[in-house]
ModelCIF file with pLDDT and N, C-alpha, C, O atoms, coordinates in Angstrom:
data_MODEL
#
_entry.id   MODEL 
#
_entity.id                         1 
_entity.type                       polymer 
_entity.pdbx_number_of_molecules   1 
#
_entity_poly.entity_id                      1 
_entity_poly.type                           'polypeptide(L)' 
_entity_poly.nstd_linkage                   no 
_entity_poly.nstd_monomer                   no 
_entity_poly.pdbx_seq_one_letter_code       
;(UNK)(UNK)(UNK)(UNK)(UNK)(UNK)(UNK)(UNK)(UNK)(UNK)(UNK)(UNK)(UNK)(UNK)(UNK)(UNK)
(UNK)(UNK)(UNK)(UNK)(UNK)(UNK)(UNK)(UNK)(UNK)(UNK)(UNK)(UNK)(UNK)(UNK)(UNK)(UNK)
(UNK)(UNK)(UNK)(UNK)(UNK)(UNK)(UNK)(UNK)(UNK)(UNK)(UNK)(UNK)(UNK)(UNK)(UNK)
;
_entity_poly.pdbx_seq_one_letter_code_can   XXXXXXXXXXXXXXXXXXXXXXXXXXXXXXXXXXXXXXXXXXXXXXX 
_entity_poly.pdbx_strand_id                 A 
#
loop_
_entity_poly_seq.entity_id 
_entity_poly_seq.num 
_entity_poly_seq.mon_id 
_entity_poly_seq.hetero 
1 1  UNK n 
1 2  UNK n 
1 3  UNK n 
1 4  UNK n 
1 5  UNK n 
1 6  UNK n 
1 7  UNK n 
1 8  UNK n 
1 9  UNK n 
1 10 UNK n 
1 11 UNK n 
1 12 UNK n 
1 13 UNK n 
1 14 UNK n 
1 15 UNK n 
1 16 UNK n 
1 17 UNK n 
1 18 UNK n 
1 19 UNK n 
1 20 UNK n 
1 21 UNK n 
1 22 UNK n 
1 23 UNK n 
1 24 UNK n 
1 25 UNK n 
1 26 UNK n 
1 27 UNK n 
1 28 UNK n 
1 29 UNK n 
1 30 UNK n 
1 31 UNK n 
1 32 UNK n 
1 33 UNK n 
1 34 UNK n 
1 35 UNK n 
1 36 UNK n 
1 37 UNK n 
1 38 UNK n 
1 39 UNK n 
1 40 UNK n 
1 41 UNK n 
1 42 UNK n 
1 43 UNK n 
1 44 UNK n 
1 45 UNK n 
1 46 UNK n 
1 47 UNK n 
#
_struct_asym.id          A 
_struct_asym.entity_id   1 
#
loop_
_ma_qa_metric.id 
_ma_qa_metric.mode 
_ma_qa_metric.name 
_ma_qa_metric.software_group_id 
_ma_qa_metric.type 
1 global pLDDT . pLDDT 
2 local  pLDDT . pLDDT 
#
_ma_qa_metric_global.metric_id      1 
_ma_qa_metric_global.metric_value   95.30 
_ma_qa_metric_global.model_id       1 
_ma_qa_metric_global.ordinal_id     1 
#
loop_
_ma_qa_metric_local.label_asym_id 
_ma_qa_metric_local.label_comp_id 
_ma_qa_metric_local.label_seq_id 
_ma_qa_metric_local.metric_id 
_ma_qa_metric_local.metric_value 
_ma_qa_metric_local.model_id 
_ma_qa_metric_local.ordinal_id 
A UNK 1  2 98.00 1 1  
A UNK 2  2 98.00 1 2  
A UNK 3  2 98.00 1 3  
A UNK 4  2 98.00 1 4  
A UNK 5  2 98.00 1 5  
A UNK 6  2 97.00 1 6  
A UNK 7  2 96.00 1 7  
A UNK 8  2 94.00 1 8  
A UNK 9  2 94.00 1 9  
A UNK 10 2 94.00 1 10 
A UNK 11 2 95.00 1 11 
A UNK 12 2 97.00 1 12 
A UNK 13 2 97.00 1 13 
A UNK 14 2 97.00 1 14 
A UNK 15 2 97.00 1 15 
A UNK 16 2 98.00 1 16 
A UNK 17 2 97.00 1 17 
A UNK 18 2 97.00 1 18 
A UNK 19 2 97.00 1 19 
A UNK 20 2 95.00 1 20 
A UNK 21 2 92.00 1 21 
A UNK 22 2 92.00 1 22 
A UNK 23 2 94.00 1 23 
A UNK 24 2 95.00 1 24 
A UNK 25 2 95.00 1 25 
A UNK 26 2 96.00 1 26 
A UNK 27 2 97.00 1 27 
A UNK 28 2 97.00 1 28 
A UNK 29 2 98.00 1 29 
A UNK 30 2 98.00 1 30 
A UNK 31 2 98.00 1 31 
A UNK 32 2 98.00 1 32 
A UNK 33 2 98.00 1 33 
A UNK 34 2 98.00 1 34 
A UNK 35 2 97.00 1 35 
A UNK 36 2 98.00 1 36 
A UNK 37 2 97.00 1 37 
A UNK 38 2 97.00 1 38 
A UNK 39 2 96.00 1 39 
A UNK 40 2 94.00 1 40 
A UNK 41 2 91.00 1 41 
A UNK 42 2 86.00 1 42 
A UNK 43 2 85.00 1 43 
A UNK 44 2 84.00 1 44 
A UNK 45 2 88.00 1 45 
A UNK 46 2 92.00 1 46 
A UNK 47 2 96.00 1 47 
#
loop_
_atom_site.group_PDB 
_atom_site.id 
_atom_site.type_symbol 
_atom_site.label_atom_id 
_atom_site.label_alt_id 
_atom_site.label_comp_id 
_atom_site.label_asym_id 
_atom_site.label_entity_id 
_atom_site.label_seq_id 
_atom_site.pdbx_PDB_ins_code 
_atom_site.Cartn_x 
_atom_site.Cartn_y 
_atom_site.Cartn_z 
_atom_site.occupancy 
_atom_site.B_iso_or_equiv 
_atom_site.pdbx_formal_charge 
_atom_site.auth_seq_id 
_atom_site.auth_comp_id 
_atom_site.auth_asym_id 
_atom_site.auth_atom_id 
_atom_site.pdbx_PDB_model_num 
ATOM 1   N N  . UNK A 1 1  ? 107.847 123.570 98.920  1.00 98.00 ? 1  UNK A N  1 
ATOM 2   C CA . UNK A 1 1  ? 108.090 122.186 99.367  1.00 98.00 ? 1  UNK A CA 1 
ATOM 3   C C  . UNK A 1 1  ? 109.283 122.166 100.319 1.00 98.00 ? 1  UNK A C  1 
ATOM 4   O O  . UNK A 1 1  ? 110.315 122.782 100.053 1.00 98.00 ? 1  UNK A O  1 
ATOM 5   N N  . UNK A 1 2  ? 109.129 121.458 101.421 1.00 98.00 ? 2  UNK A N  1 
ATOM 6   C CA . UNK A 1 2  ? 110.213 121.275 102.389 1.00 98.00 ? 2  UNK A CA 1 
ATOM 7   C C  . UNK A 1 2  ? 110.434 119.783 102.598 1.00 98.00 ? 2  UNK A C  1 
ATOM 8   O O  . UNK A 1 2  ? 109.476 119.034 102.787 1.00 98.00 ? 2  UNK A O  1 
ATOM 9   N N  . UNK A 1 3  ? 111.687 119.348 102.565 1.00 98.00 ? 3  UNK A N  1 
ATOM 10  C CA . UNK A 1 3  ? 112.057 117.960 102.827 1.00 98.00 ? 3  UNK A CA 1 
ATOM 11  C C  . UNK A 1 3  ? 113.104 117.938 103.936 1.00 98.00 ? 3  UNK A C  1 
ATOM 12  O O  . UNK A 1 3  ? 114.082 118.684 103.898 1.00 98.00 ? 3  UNK A O  1 
ATOM 13  N N  . UNK A 1 4  ? 112.884 117.075 104.921 1.00 98.00 ? 4  UNK A N  1 
ATOM 14  C CA . UNK A 1 4  ? 113.829 116.922 106.035 1.00 98.00 ? 4  UNK A CA 1 
ATOM 15  C C  . UNK A 1 4  ? 114.165 115.444 106.203 1.00 98.00 ? 4  UNK A C  1 
ATOM 16  O O  . UNK A 1 4  ? 113.271 114.600 106.267 1.00 98.00 ? 4  UNK A O  1 
ATOM 17  N N  . UNK A 1 5  ? 115.461 115.136 106.273 1.00 98.00 ? 5  UNK A N  1 
ATOM 18  C CA . UNK A 1 5  ? 115.919 113.770 106.523 1.00 98.00 ? 5  UNK A CA 1 
ATOM 19  C C  . UNK A 1 5  ? 116.679 113.774 107.843 1.00 98.00 ? 5  UNK A C  1 
ATOM 20  O O  . UNK A 1 5  ? 117.683 114.471 107.987 1.00 98.00 ? 5  UNK A O  1 
ATOM 21  N N  . UNK A 1 6  ? 116.192 112.990 108.809 1.00 97.00 ? 6  UNK A N  1 
ATOM 22  C CA . UNK A 1 6  ? 116.845 112.912 110.115 1.00 97.00 ? 6  UNK A CA 1 
ATOM 23  C C  . UNK A 1 6  ? 118.206 112.250 109.987 1.00 97.00 ? 6  UNK A C  1 
ATOM 24  O O  . UNK A 1 6  ? 118.413 111.396 109.125 1.00 97.00 ? 6  UNK A O  1 
ATOM 25  N N  . UNK A 1 7  ? 119.120 112.642 110.838 1.00 96.00 ? 7  UNK A N  1 
ATOM 26  C CA . UNK A 1 7  ? 120.508 112.170 110.743 1.00 96.00 ? 7  UNK A CA 1 
ATOM 27  C C  . UNK A 1 7  ? 120.632 110.664 110.918 1.00 96.00 ? 7  UNK A C  1 
ATOM 28  O O  . UNK A 1 7  ? 121.583 110.065 110.416 1.00 96.00 ? 7  UNK A O  1 
ATOM 29  N N  . UNK A 1 8  ? 119.684 110.033 111.627 1.00 94.00 ? 8  UNK A N  1 
ATOM 30  C CA . UNK A 1 8  ? 119.754 108.576 111.809 1.00 94.00 ? 8  UNK A CA 1 
ATOM 31  C C  . UNK A 1 8  ? 119.233 107.818 110.602 1.00 94.00 ? 8  UNK A C  1 
ATOM 32  O O  . UNK A 1 8  ? 119.399 106.600 110.527 1.00 94.00 ? 8  UNK A O  1 
ATOM 33  N N  . UNK A 1 9  ? 118.603 108.508 109.650 1.00 94.00 ? 9  UNK A N  1 
ATOM 34  C CA . UNK A 1 9  ? 118.220 107.896 108.385 1.00 94.00 ? 9  UNK A CA 1 
ATOM 35  C C  . UNK A 1 9  ? 117.009 106.993 108.434 1.00 94.00 ? 9  UNK A C  1 
ATOM 36  O O  . UNK A 1 9  ? 116.823 106.174 107.533 1.00 94.00 ? 9  UNK A O  1 
ATOM 37  N N  . UNK A 1 10 ? 116.177 107.114 109.456 1.00 94.00 ? 10 UNK A N  1 
ATOM 38  C CA . UNK A 1 10 ? 114.960 106.288 109.511 1.00 94.00 ? 10 UNK A CA 1 
ATOM 39  C C  . UNK A 1 10 ? 113.701 107.138 109.496 1.00 94.00 ? 10 UNK A C  1 
ATOM 40  O O  . UNK A 1 10 ? 112.601 106.619 109.686 1.00 94.00 ? 10 UNK A O  1 
ATOM 41  N N  . UNK A 1 11 ? 113.849 108.435 109.274 1.00 95.00 ? 11 UNK A N  1 
ATOM 42  C CA . UNK A 1 11 ? 112.708 109.347 109.357 1.00 95.00 ? 11 UNK A CA 1 
ATOM 43  C C  . UNK A 1 11 ? 112.867 110.445 108.310 1.00 95.00 ? 11 UNK A C  1 
ATOM 44  O O  . UNK A 1 11 ? 113.877 111.148 108.287 1.00 95.00 ? 11 UNK A O  1 
ATOM 45  N N  . UNK A 1 12 ? 111.864 110.589 107.444 1.00 97.00 ? 12 UNK A N  1 
ATOM 46  C CA . UNK A 1 12 ? 111.831 111.645 106.438 1.00 97.00 ? 12 UNK A CA 1 
ATOM 47  C C  . UNK A 1 12 ? 110.534 112.415 106.622 1.00 97.00 ? 12 UNK A C  1 
ATOM 48  O O  . UNK A 1 12 ? 109.462 111.818 106.719 1.00 97.00 ? 12 UNK A O  1 
ATOM 49  N N  . UNK A 1 13 ? 110.627 113.729 106.671 1.00 97.00 ? 13 UNK A N  1 
ATOM 50  C CA . UNK A 1 13 ? 109.437 114.571 106.822 1.00 97.00 ? 13 UNK A CA 1 
ATOM 51  C C  . UNK A 1 13 ? 109.295 115.470 105.596 1.00 97.00 ? 13 UNK A C  1 
ATOM 52  O O  . UNK A 1 13 ? 110.286 115.944 105.039 1.00 97.00 ? 13 UNK A O  1 
ATOM 53  N N  . UNK A 1 14 ? 108.051 115.694 105.189 1.00 97.00 ? 14 UNK A N  1 
ATOM 54  C CA . UNK A 1 14 ? 107.807 116.556 104.042 1.00 97.00 ? 14 UNK A CA 1 
ATOM 55  C C  . UNK A 1 14 ? 106.630 117.471 104.269 1.00 97.00 ? 14 UNK A C  1 
ATOM 56  O O  . UNK A 1 14 ? 105.715 117.160 105.031 1.00 97.00 ? 14 UNK A O  1 
ATOM 57  N N  . UNK A 1 15 ? 106.667 118.596 103.601 1.00 97.00 ? 15 UNK A N  1 
ATOM 58  C CA . UNK A 1 15 ? 105.566 119.556 103.679 1.00 97.00 ? 15 UNK A CA 1 
ATOM 59  C C  . UNK A 1 15 ? 105.397 120.199 102.311 1.00 97.00 ? 15 UNK A C  1 
ATOM 60  O O  . UNK A 1 15 ? 106.336 120.772 101.757 1.00 97.00 ? 15 UNK A O  1 
ATOM 61  N N  . UNK A 1 16 ? 104.186 120.095 101.777 1.00 98.00 ? 16 UNK A N  1 
ATOM 62  C CA . UNK A 1 16 ? 103.851 120.752 100.513 1.00 98.00 ? 16 UNK A CA 1 
ATOM 63  C C  . UNK A 1 16 ? 102.772 121.791 100.787 1.00 98.00 ? 16 UNK A C  1 
ATOM 64  O O  . UNK A 1 16 ? 101.716 121.491 101.343 1.00 98.00 ? 16 UNK A O  1 
ATOM 65  N N  . UNK A 1 17 ? 103.069 123.015 100.383 1.00 97.00 ? 17 UNK A N  1 
ATOM 66  C CA . UNK A 1 17 ? 102.197 124.135 100.720 1.00 97.00 ? 17 UNK A CA 1 
ATOM 67  C C  . UNK A 1 17 ? 101.927 124.962 99.468  1.00 97.00 ? 17 UNK A C  1 
ATOM 68  O O  . UNK A 1 17 ? 102.844 125.289 98.714  1.00 97.00 ? 17 UNK A O  1 
ATOM 69  N N  . UNK A 1 18 ? 100.658 125.295 99.261  1.00 97.00 ? 18 UNK A N  1 
ATOM 70  C CA . UNK A 1 18 ? 100.250 126.208 98.204  1.00 97.00 ? 18 UNK A CA 1 
ATOM 71  C C  . UNK A 1 18 ? 99.856  127.534 98.842  1.00 97.00 ? 18 UNK A C  1 
ATOM 72  O O  . UNK A 1 18 ? 98.995  127.576 99.720  1.00 97.00 ? 18 UNK A O  1 
ATOM 73  N N  . UNK A 1 19 ? 100.489 128.616 98.397  1.00 97.00 ? 19 UNK A N  1 
ATOM 74  C CA . UNK A 1 19 ? 100.232 129.938 98.938  1.00 97.00 ? 19 UNK A CA 1 
ATOM 75  C C  . UNK A 1 19 ? 99.559  130.774 97.868  1.00 97.00 ? 19 UNK A C  1 
ATOM 76  O O  . UNK A 1 19 ? 100.108 130.952 96.780  1.00 97.00 ? 19 UNK A O  1 
ATOM 77  N N  . UNK A 1 20 ? 98.364  131.291 98.167  1.00 95.00 ? 20 UNK A N  1 
ATOM 78  C CA . UNK A 1 20 ? 97.598  132.075 97.217  1.00 95.00 ? 20 UNK A CA 1 
ATOM 79  C C  . UNK A 1 20 ? 96.131  131.732 97.321  1.00 95.00 ? 20 UNK A C  1 
ATOM 80  O O  . UNK A 1 20 ? 95.727  130.942 98.174  1.00 95.00 ? 20 UNK A O  1 
ATOM 81  N N  . UNK A 1 21 ? 95.332  132.327 96.451  1.00 92.00 ? 21 UNK A N  1 
ATOM 82  C CA . UNK A 1 21 ? 93.877  132.183 96.594  1.00 92.00 ? 21 UNK A CA 1 
ATOM 83  C C  . UNK A 1 21 ? 93.198  131.521 95.413  1.00 92.00 ? 21 UNK A C  1 
ATOM 84  O O  . UNK A 1 21 ? 91.974  131.392 95.421  1.00 92.00 ? 21 UNK A O  1 
ATOM 85  N N  . UNK A 1 22 ? 93.930  131.097 94.404  1.00 92.00 ? 22 UNK A N  1 
ATOM 86  C CA . UNK A 1 22 ? 93.303  130.551 93.202  1.00 92.00 ? 22 UNK A CA 1 
ATOM 87  C C  . UNK A 1 22 ? 93.244  129.038 93.176  1.00 92.00 ? 22 UNK A C  1 
ATOM 88  O O  . UNK A 1 22 ? 93.564  128.365 94.157  1.00 92.00 ? 22 UNK A O  1 
ATOM 89  N N  . UNK A 1 23 ? 92.821  128.510 92.016  1.00 94.00 ? 23 UNK A N  1 
ATOM 90  C CA . UNK A 1 23 ? 92.754  127.067 91.816  1.00 94.00 ? 23 UNK A CA 1 
ATOM 91  C C  . UNK A 1 23 ? 91.515  126.439 92.403  1.00 94.00 ? 23 UNK A C  1 
ATOM 92  O O  . UNK A 1 23 ? 90.870  127.002 93.288  1.00 94.00 ? 23 UNK A O  1 
ATOM 93  N N  . UNK A 1 24 ? 91.189  125.261 91.897  1.00 95.00 ? 24 UNK A N  1 
ATOM 94  C CA . UNK A 1 24 ? 90.021  124.533 92.381  1.00 95.00 ? 24 UNK A CA 1 
ATOM 95  C C  . UNK A 1 24 ? 90.390  123.262 93.124  1.00 95.00 ? 24 UNK A C  1 
ATOM 96  O O  . UNK A 1 24 ? 89.660  122.834 94.018  1.00 95.00 ? 24 UNK A O  1 
ATOM 97  N N  . UNK A 1 25 ? 91.536  122.640 92.758  1.00 95.00 ? 25 UNK A N  1 
ATOM 98  C CA . UNK A 1 25 ? 91.927  121.394 93.414  1.00 95.00 ? 25 UNK A CA 1 
ATOM 99  C C  . UNK A 1 25 ? 93.432  121.198 93.290  1.00 95.00 ? 25 UNK A C  1 
ATOM 100 O O  . UNK A 1 25 ? 94.082  121.768 92.413  1.00 95.00 ? 25 UNK A O  1 
ATOM 101 N N  . UNK A 1 26 ? 93.970  120.378 94.191  1.00 96.00 ? 26 UNK A N  1 
ATOM 102 C CA . UNK A 1 26 ? 95.386  120.004 94.128  1.00 96.00 ? 26 UNK A CA 1 
ATOM 103 C C  . UNK A 1 26 ? 95.482  118.487 94.140  1.00 96.00 ? 26 UNK A C  1 
ATOM 104 O O  . UNK A 1 26 ? 94.572  117.798 94.602  1.00 96.00 ? 26 UNK A O  1 
ATOM 105 N N  . UNK A 1 27 ? 96.596  117.974 93.627  1.00 97.00 ? 27 UNK A N  1 
ATOM 106 C CA . UNK A 1 27 ? 96.894  116.543 93.681  1.00 97.00 ? 27 UNK A CA 1 
ATOM 107 C C  . UNK A 1 27 ? 98.375  116.372 93.963  1.00 97.00 ? 27 UNK A C  1 
ATOM 108 O O  . UNK A 1 27 ? 99.222  116.889 93.236  1.00 97.00 ? 27 UNK A O  1 
ATOM 109 N N  . UNK A 1 28 ? 98.675  115.649 95.016  1.00 97.00 ? 28 UNK A N  1 
ATOM 110 C CA . UNK A 1 28 ? 100.059 115.343 95.388  1.00 97.00 ? 28 UNK A CA 1 
ATOM 111 C C  . UNK A 1 28 ? 100.299 113.870 95.078  1.00 97.00 ? 28 UNK A C  1 
ATOM 112 O O  . UNK A 1 28 ? 99.568  113.002 95.557  1.00 97.00 ? 28 UNK A O  1 
ATOM 113 N N  . UNK A 1 29 ? 101.321 113.592 94.277  1.00 98.00 ? 29 UNK A N  1 
ATOM 114 C CA . UNK A 1 29 ? 101.596 112.226 93.846  1.00 98.00 ? 29 UNK A CA 1 
ATOM 115 C C  . UNK A 1 29 ? 102.963 111.753 94.323  1.00 98.00 ? 29 UNK A C  1 
ATOM 116 O O  . UNK A 1 29 ? 103.940 112.503 94.303  1.00 98.00 ? 29 UNK A O  1 
ATOM 117 N N  . UNK A 1 30 ? 103.013 110.498 94.750  1.00 98.00 ? 30 UNK A N  1 
ATOM 118 C CA . UNK A 1 30 ? 104.265 109.798 95.031  1.00 98.00 ? 30 UNK A CA 1 
ATOM 119 C C  . UNK A 1 30 ? 104.280 108.559 94.137  1.00 98.00 ? 30 UNK A C  1 
ATOM 120 O O  . UNK A 1 30 ? 103.636 107.559 94.456  1.00 98.00 ? 30 UNK A O  1 
ATOM 121 N N  . UNK A 1 31 ? 105.005 108.614 93.028  1.00 98.00 ? 31 UNK A N  1 
ATOM 122 C CA . UNK A 1 31 ? 105.079 107.466 92.127  1.00 98.00 ? 31 UNK A CA 1 
ATOM 123 C C  . UNK A 1 31 ? 106.030 106.426 92.732  1.00 98.00 ? 31 UNK A C  1 
ATOM 124 O O  . UNK A 1 31 ? 107.131 106.758 93.173  1.00 98.00 ? 31 UNK A O  1 
ATOM 125 N N  . UNK A 1 32 ? 105.590 105.175 92.746  1.00 98.00 ? 32 UNK A N  1 
ATOM 126 C CA . UNK A 1 32 ? 106.364 104.094 93.350  1.00 98.00 ? 32 UNK A CA 1 
ATOM 127 C C  . UNK A 1 32 ? 107.120 103.313 92.284  1.00 98.00 ? 32 UNK A C  1 
ATOM 128 O O  . UNK A 1 32 ? 106.624 103.110 91.176  1.00 98.00 ? 32 UNK A O  1 
ATOM 129 N N  . UNK A 1 33 ? 108.325 102.880 92.635  1.00 98.00 ? 33 UNK A N  1 
ATOM 130 C CA . UNK A 1 33 ? 109.078 102.006 91.738  1.00 98.00 ? 33 UNK A CA 1 
ATOM 131 C C  . UNK A 1 33 ? 108.328 100.682 91.593  1.00 98.00 ? 33 UNK A C  1 
ATOM 132 O O  . UNK A 1 33 ? 107.688 100.242 92.548  1.00 98.00 ? 33 UNK A O  1 
ATOM 133 N N  . UNK A 1 34 ? 108.386 100.036 90.433  1.00 98.00 ? 34 UNK A N  1 
ATOM 134 C CA . UNK A 1 34 ? 107.639 98.790  90.221  1.00 98.00 ? 34 UNK A CA 1 
ATOM 135 C C  . UNK A 1 34 ? 107.965 97.678  91.229  1.00 98.00 ? 34 UNK A C  1 
ATOM 136 O O  . UNK A 1 34 ? 107.148 96.780  91.431  1.00 98.00 ? 34 UNK A O  1 
ATOM 137 N N  . UNK A 1 35 ? 109.132 97.725  91.857  1.00 97.00 ? 35 UNK A N  1 
ATOM 138 C CA . UNK A 1 35 ? 109.491 96.672  92.815  1.00 97.00 ? 35 UNK A CA 1 
ATOM 139 C C  . UNK A 1 35 ? 108.833 96.860  94.176  1.00 97.00 ? 35 UNK A C  1 
ATOM 140 O O  . UNK A 1 35 ? 108.929 95.978  95.029  1.00 97.00 ? 35 UNK A O  1 
ATOM 141 N N  . UNK A 1 36 ? 108.162 97.998  94.396  1.00 98.00 ? 36 UNK A N  1 
ATOM 142 C CA . UNK A 1 36 ? 107.550 98.307  95.694  1.00 98.00 ? 36 UNK A CA 1 
ATOM 143 C C  . UNK A 1 36 ? 106.098 97.845  95.702  1.00 98.00 ? 36 UNK A C  1 
ATOM 144 O O  . UNK A 1 36 ? 105.348 98.087  94.756  1.00 98.00 ? 36 UNK A O  1 
ATOM 145 N N  . UNK A 1 37 ? 105.716 97.173  96.788  1.00 97.00 ? 37 UNK A N  1 
ATOM 146 C CA . UNK A 1 37 ? 104.334 96.739  96.981  1.00 97.00 ? 37 UNK A CA 1 
ATOM 147 C C  . UNK A 1 37 ? 103.703 97.616  98.051  1.00 97.00 ? 37 UNK A C  1 
ATOM 148 O O  . UNK A 1 37 ? 104.291 97.826  99.112  1.00 97.00 ? 37 UNK A O  1 
ATOM 149 N N  . UNK A 1 38 ? 102.511 98.128  97.777  1.00 97.00 ? 38 UNK A N  1 
ATOM 150 C CA . UNK A 1 38 ? 101.894 99.100  98.678  1.00 97.00 ? 38 UNK A CA 1 
ATOM 151 C C  . UNK A 1 38 ? 100.483 98.693  99.070  1.00 97.00 ? 38 UNK A C  1 
ATOM 152 O O  . UNK A 1 38 ? 99.793  98.002  98.321  1.00 97.00 ? 38 UNK A O  1 
ATOM 153 N N  . UNK A 1 39 ? 100.057 99.135  100.265 1.00 96.00 ? 39 UNK A N  1 
ATOM 154 C CA . UNK A 1 39 ? 98.689  98.918  100.731 1.00 96.00 ? 39 UNK A CA 1 
ATOM 155 C C  . UNK A 1 39 ? 98.288  100.087 101.621 1.00 96.00 ? 39 UNK A C  1 
ATOM 156 O O  . UNK A 1 39 ? 99.082  100.547 102.441 1.00 96.00 ? 39 UNK A O  1 
ATOM 157 N N  . UNK A 1 40 ? 97.039  100.574 101.458 1.00 94.00 ? 40 UNK A N  1 
ATOM 158 C CA . UNK A 1 40 ? 96.554  101.708 102.229 1.00 94.00 ? 40 UNK A CA 1 
ATOM 159 C C  . UNK A 1 40 ? 96.290  101.262 103.663 1.00 94.00 ? 40 UNK A C  1 
ATOM 160 O O  . UNK A 1 40 ? 95.729  100.191 103.895 1.00 94.00 ? 40 UNK A O  1 
ATOM 161 N N  . UNK A 1 41 ? 96.698  102.091 104.621 1.00 91.00 ? 41 UNK A N  1 
ATOM 162 C CA . UNK A 1 41 ? 96.458  101.792 106.030 1.00 91.00 ? 41 UNK A CA 1 
ATOM 163 C C  . UNK A 1 41 ? 94.967  101.829 106.336 1.00 91.00 ? 41 UNK A C  1 
ATOM 164 O O  . UNK A 1 41 ? 94.190  102.480 105.638 1.00 91.00 ? 41 UNK A O  1 
ATOM 165 N N  . UNK A 1 42 ? 94.590  101.133 107.373 1.00 86.00 ? 42 UNK A N  1 
ATOM 166 C CA . UNK A 1 42 ? 93.175  101.006 107.709 1.00 86.00 ? 42 UNK A CA 1 
ATOM 167 C C  . UNK A 1 42 ? 92.480  102.324 107.977 1.00 86.00 ? 42 UNK A C  1 
ATOM 168 O O  . UNK A 1 42 ? 91.296  102.469 107.672 1.00 86.00 ? 42 UNK A O  1 
ATOM 169 N N  . UNK A 1 43 ? 93.196  103.299 108.549 1.00 85.00 ? 43 UNK A N  1 
ATOM 170 C CA . UNK A 1 43 ? 92.561  104.580 108.857 1.00 85.00 ? 43 UNK A CA 1 
ATOM 171 C C  . UNK A 1 43 ? 92.533  105.526 107.663 1.00 85.00 ? 43 UNK A C  1 
ATOM 172 O O  . UNK A 1 43 ? 91.993  106.628 107.754 1.00 85.00 ? 43 UNK A O  1 
ATOM 173 N N  . UNK A 1 44 ? 93.116  105.096 106.539 1.00 84.00 ? 44 UNK A N  1 
ATOM 174 C CA . UNK A 1 44 ? 93.088  105.904 105.335 1.00 84.00 ? 44 UNK A CA 1 
ATOM 175 C C  . UNK A 1 44 ? 94.024  107.079 105.331 1.00 84.00 ? 44 UNK A C  1 
ATOM 176 O O  . UNK A 1 44 ? 93.972  107.894 104.409 1.00 84.00 ? 44 UNK A O  1 
ATOM 177 N N  . UNK A 1 45 ? 94.893  107.205 106.336 1.00 88.00 ? 45 UNK A N  1 
ATOM 178 C CA . UNK A 1 45 ? 95.796  108.352 106.434 1.00 88.00 ? 45 UNK A CA 1 
ATOM 179 C C  . UNK A 1 45 ? 97.225  108.017 106.011 1.00 88.00 ? 45 UNK A C  1 
ATOM 180 O O  . UNK A 1 45 ? 98.144  108.805 106.234 1.00 88.00 ? 45 UNK A O  1 
ATOM 181 N N  . UNK A 1 46 ? 97.408  106.858 105.408 1.00 92.00 ? 46 UNK A N  1 
ATOM 182 C CA . UNK A 1 46 ? 98.769  106.522 105.010 1.00 92.00 ? 46 UNK A CA 1 
ATOM 183 C C  . UNK A 1 46 ? 98.836  105.239 104.211 1.00 92.00 ? 46 UNK A C  1 
ATOM 184 O O  . UNK A 1 46 ? 97.817  104.635 103.880 1.00 92.00 ? 46 UNK A O  1 
ATOM 185 N N  . UNK A 1 47 ? 100.064 104.836 103.909 1.00 96.00 ? 47 UNK A N  1 
ATOM 186 C CA . UNK A 1 47 ? 100.302 103.673 103.060 1.00 96.00 ? 47 UNK A CA 1 
ATOM 187 C C  . UNK A 1 47 ? 101.476 102.888 103.629 1.00 96.00 ? 47 UNK A C  1 
ATOM 188 O O  . UNK A 1 47 ? 101.859 101.859 103.073 1.00 96.00 ? 47 UNK A O  1 
#
């Protein structure tokens, strides 16, 4: 896992990588605090 926070504080980048040949599936989760309201973007590539 790599996390990058830009010095101006308005941009965060992340990368999650699995190295190897096993497994059948992966799931990446971002649990939201209850005060956050979320909606999936129209293109399905974000929130």
